[in-house]
Amino acid sequence: QGELVESGGGLVQPGGSLRLSCATTVRIFSLFEMGWYRQGPGKRRDLVATIDKTGNTNYEDSVKGRFTISRDQSKRTVYLQMNSLKPEDTGVYFCNANHSFLPPRWGQGTQVTVTA
């Protein structure tokens, strides 16, 4: 397994919810800013949300009010709670760990499909 291990993707109907999880190491969790990216079919990988070590969050405009990123220090895990899902949220979601001076880390990706 890599340093970032994702889980929680799946198939859901529009309006439904999913929670993605990204478990990592103590070192990554304590040093890196964490985030989620997604890559839709035929599209580039785009930022969805980030959370820094102090808990400050940032969201892409289309998910504001629907998605919530959070972190649990005791479990070294970052979550992405996704509510009111839309078909355009479909894609592969990647966990990311970012640092100003160290190479970024990526998870293997988890598929989210929103369809009726």
Protein backbone atom coordinates (compact mmCIF):
# COMPACT_ATOMS: atom_id res chain seq x y z
CA GLN A 1 0.00 0.00 0.00
CA GLY A 2 1.01 3.57 -0.63
CA GLU A 3 1.18 6.43 1.81
CA LEU A 4 -2.38 7.50 0.98
CA VAL A 5 -5.09 4.83 1.05
CA GLU A 6 -8.53 5.86 -0.15
CA SER A 7 -11.88 4.20 0.33
CA GLY A 8 -15.55 4.98 0.13
CA GLY A 9 -16.33 5.44 -3.55
CA GLY A 10 -19.26 3.82 -5.23
CA LEU A 11 -22.45 4.20 -7.21
CA VAL A 12 -25.14 6.57 -5.96
CA GLN A 13 -28.26 8.22 -7.32
CA PRO A 14 -28.49 11.98 -7.80
CA GLY A 15 -29.19 13.65 -4.50
CA GLY A 16 -27.47 10.90 -2.58
CA SER A 17 -24.43 10.98 -0.33
CA LEU A 18 -21.06 9.32 -0.05
CA ARG A 19 -18.13 9.70 2.30
CA LEU A 20 -14.61 9.23 1.06
CA SER A 21 -11.76 8.42 3.42
CA CYS A 22 -8.03 8.82 3.01
CA ALA A 23 -5.81 7.18 5.60
CA THR A 24 -2.17 8.14 5.77
CA THR A 25 0.98 8.01 7.87
CA VAL A 26 1.77 10.05 10.94
CA ARG A 27 4.46 11.95 9.04
CA ILE A 28 2.25 12.86 6.11
CA PHE A 29 -0.68 13.81 8.31
CA SER A 30 1.41 16.08 10.51
CA LEU A 31 3.43 17.81 7.78
CA PHE A 32 1.28 18.03 4.68
CA GLU A 33 -1.79 19.92 3.60
CA MET A 34 -4.39 17.34 2.55
CA GLY A 35 -6.90 17.55 -0.25
CA TRP A 36 -9.16 15.82 -2.72
CA TYR A 37 -9.05 16.10 -6.48
CA ARG A 38 -11.31 14.55 -9.05
CA GLN A 39 -10.98 13.62 -12.67
CA GLY A 40 -14.15 13.28 -14.70
CA PRO A 41 -14.36 11.24 -17.91
CA GLY A 42 -12.18 12.91 -20.53
CA LYS A 43 -11.33 15.77 -18.19
CA ARG A 44 -8.28 16.94 -16.33
CA ARG A 45 -7.72 16.36 -12.62
CA ASP A 46 -9.14 19.32 -10.70
CA LEU A 47 -9.06 20.41 -7.10
CA VAL A 48 -12.19 19.72 -5.05
CA ALA A 49 -11.24 20.67 -1.50
CA THR A 50 -8.26 21.14 0.78
CA ILE A 51 -7.66 21.24 4.52
CA ASP A 52 -4.48 22.42 6.18
CA LYS A 53 -2.89 21.32 9.43
CA THR A 54 -4.87 23.88 11.42
CA GLY A 55 -8.19 22.86 9.89
CA ASN A 56 -8.63 25.71 7.45
CA THR A 57 -10.60 24.54 4.43
CA ASN A 58 -10.97 25.55 0.82
CA TYR A 59 -13.54 24.36 -1.73
CA GLU A 60 -14.04 24.50 -5.45
CA ASP A 61 -17.08 26.65 -6.18
CA SER A 62 -19.30 23.89 -7.57
CA VAL A 63 -19.10 21.83 -4.35
CA LYS A 64 -19.48 24.60 -1.79
CA GLY A 65 -22.39 23.89 0.52
CA ARG A 66 -22.54 20.25 -0.58
CA PHE A 67 -19.13 18.78 0.27
CA THR A 68 -17.27 18.93 3.56
CA ILE A 69 -13.63 18.07 4.06
CA SER A 70 -12.45 17.16 7.55
CA ARG A 71 -9.58 15.47 9.32
CA ASP A 72 -9.35 13.11 12.28
CA GLN A 73 -5.94 13.24 13.92
CA SER A 74 -6.49 10.16 16.04
CA LYS A 75 -7.10 8.09 12.90
CA ARG A 76 -4.70 9.99 10.61
CA THR A 77 -7.55 10.17 8.15
CA VAL A 78 -9.04 12.87 5.95
CA TYR A 79 -12.66 12.64 4.92
CA LEU A 80 -14.74 14.11 2.13
CA GLN A 81 -18.44 14.07 2.92
CA MET A 82 -20.36 14.51 -0.30
CA ASN A 83 -24.05 15.38 -0.13
CA SER A 84 -26.60 16.30 -2.78
CA LEU A 85 -24.51 14.56 -5.38
CA LYS A 86 -25.01 15.42 -9.02
CA PRO A 87 -24.14 13.49 -12.18
CA GLU A 88 -21.41 16.02 -12.89
CA ASP A 89 -19.69 14.94 -9.66
CA THR A 90 -18.90 11.63 -11.35
CA GLY A 91 -15.23 10.84 -11.63
CA VAL A 92 -12.21 9.31 -9.99
CA TYR A 93 -11.43 11.03 -6.70
CA PHE A 94 -7.82 11.23 -5.63
CA CYS A 95 -6.49 12.00 -2.20
CA ASN A 96 -3.55 14.41 -2.27
CA ALA A 97 -0.92 15.46 0.24
CA ASN A 98 0.84 18.70 -0.58
CA HIS A 99 3.89 20.38 0.93
CA SER A 100 5.82 23.47 -0.12
CA PHE A 101 9.21 21.74 -0.05
CA LEU A 102 8.50 18.04 -0.41
CA PRO A 103 7.16 16.03 -3.35
CA PRO A 104 3.36 15.69 -3.40
CA ARG A 105 1.74 12.35 -2.66
CA TRP A 106 -1.25 10.84 -4.43
CA GLY A 107 -3.62 8.04 -3.61
CA GLN A 108 -4.64 5.41 -6.11
CA GLY A 109 -8.04 6.97 -6.71
CA THR A 110 -11.57 5.84 -5.96
CA GLN A 111 -14.44 5.87 -8.43
CA VAL A 112 -17.58 7.88 -7.71
CA THR A 113 -20.48 7.44 -10.10
CA VAL A 114 -23.66 9.47 -9.79
CA THR A 115 -26.41 8.20 -12.02
CA ALA A 116 -30.09 7.46 -11.99
